[in-house]
Amino acid sequence: MENDTPEGKLELSLRILGNELIAFKMTVDDFKMKWLVLGISAMAAIFWVVSKFGPGLVQTFGGL
């Protein structure tokens, strides 16, 4: 069998390691993307609240 040689086993091991690293990178990228979307959504919500209720909020909490 071809993979019984040390070179074949090394090639297979490197391929498996490469696949694991790619899967890990994809997981990290997915995690970063979710936090990015969450952050953008939070900023949009804050902007909307401030633009809609800004003057009232300043009058209500302005004396603090």
Protein backbone atom coordinates (compact mmCIF):
# COMPACT_ATOMS: atom_id res chain seq x y z
CA MET A 1 0.00 0.00 0.00
CA GLU A 2 1.24 3.50 -0.81
CA ASN A 3 0.60 5.07 2.62
CA ASP A 4 2.63 2.40 4.44
CA THR A 5 5.86 4.22 3.58
CA PRO A 6 7.10 6.92 5.95
CA GLU A 7 6.66 9.51 3.19
CA GLY A 8 3.05 8.43 2.59
CA LYS A 9 2.24 8.54 6.31
CA LEU A 10 3.83 11.98 6.62
CA GLU A 11 1.86 13.27 3.64
CA LEU A 12 -1.37 11.90 5.08
CA SER A 13 -0.58 13.38 8.50
CA LEU A 14 0.16 16.78 7.00
CA ARG A 15 -3.06 16.67 4.99
CA ILE A 16 -5.08 15.82 8.13
CA LEU A 17 -3.31 18.57 10.09
CA GLY A 18 -4.00 21.05 7.29
CA ASN A 19 -7.68 20.12 7.25
CA GLU A 20 -7.88 20.57 11.04
CA LEU A 21 -6.24 24.00 10.82
CA ILE A 22 -8.63 25.07 8.06
CA ALA A 23 -11.62 23.88 10.12
CA PHE A 24 -10.32 25.77 13.18
CA LYS A 25 -9.77 28.95 11.13
CA MET A 26 -13.30 28.70 9.73
CA THR A 27 -14.67 28.35 13.28
CA VAL A 28 -12.72 31.39 14.47
CA ASP A 29 -13.80 33.41 11.41
CA ASP A 30 -17.44 32.42 12.02
CA PHE A 31 -17.13 33.51 15.67
CA LYS A 32 -15.62 36.85 14.64
CA MET A 33 -18.34 37.40 12.04
CA LYS A 34 -21.10 36.77 14.59
CA TRP A 35 -19.57 39.32 17.00
CA LEU A 36 -19.10 41.80 14.15
CA VAL A 37 -22.76 41.50 13.15
CA LEU A 38 -23.83 41.78 16.80
CA GLY A 39 -21.69 44.90 17.27
CA ILE A 40 -23.02 46.57 14.13
CA SER A 41 -26.59 45.74 15.17
CA ALA A 42 -26.00 47.20 18.63
CA MET A 43 -24.53 50.39 17.17
CA ALA A 44 -27.48 50.72 14.79
CA ALA A 45 -29.93 50.25 17.67
CA ILE A 46 -28.13 52.87 19.80
CA PHE A 47 -28.07 55.30 16.87
CA TRP A 48 -31.80 54.79 16.28
CA VAL A 49 -32.66 55.36 19.97
CA VAL A 50 -30.51 58.49 20.16
CA SER A 51 -31.88 59.91 16.90
CA LYS A 52 -35.49 59.16 17.88
CA PHE A 53 -35.43 60.08 21.58
CA GLY A 54 -32.25 62.19 21.84
CA PRO A 55 -33.76 65.53 22.84
CA GLY A 56 -36.07 63.91 25.38
CA LEU A 57 -33.22 61.90 26.85
CA VAL A 58 -31.10 65.03 27.21
CA GLN A 59 -33.94 66.81 29.01
CA THR A 60 -34.66 63.80 31.22
CA PHE A 61 -31.08 62.91 32.14
CA GLY A 62 -29.38 66.23 31.44
CA GLY A 63 -29.22 67.22 35.11
CA LEU A 64 -27.30 64.13 36.19
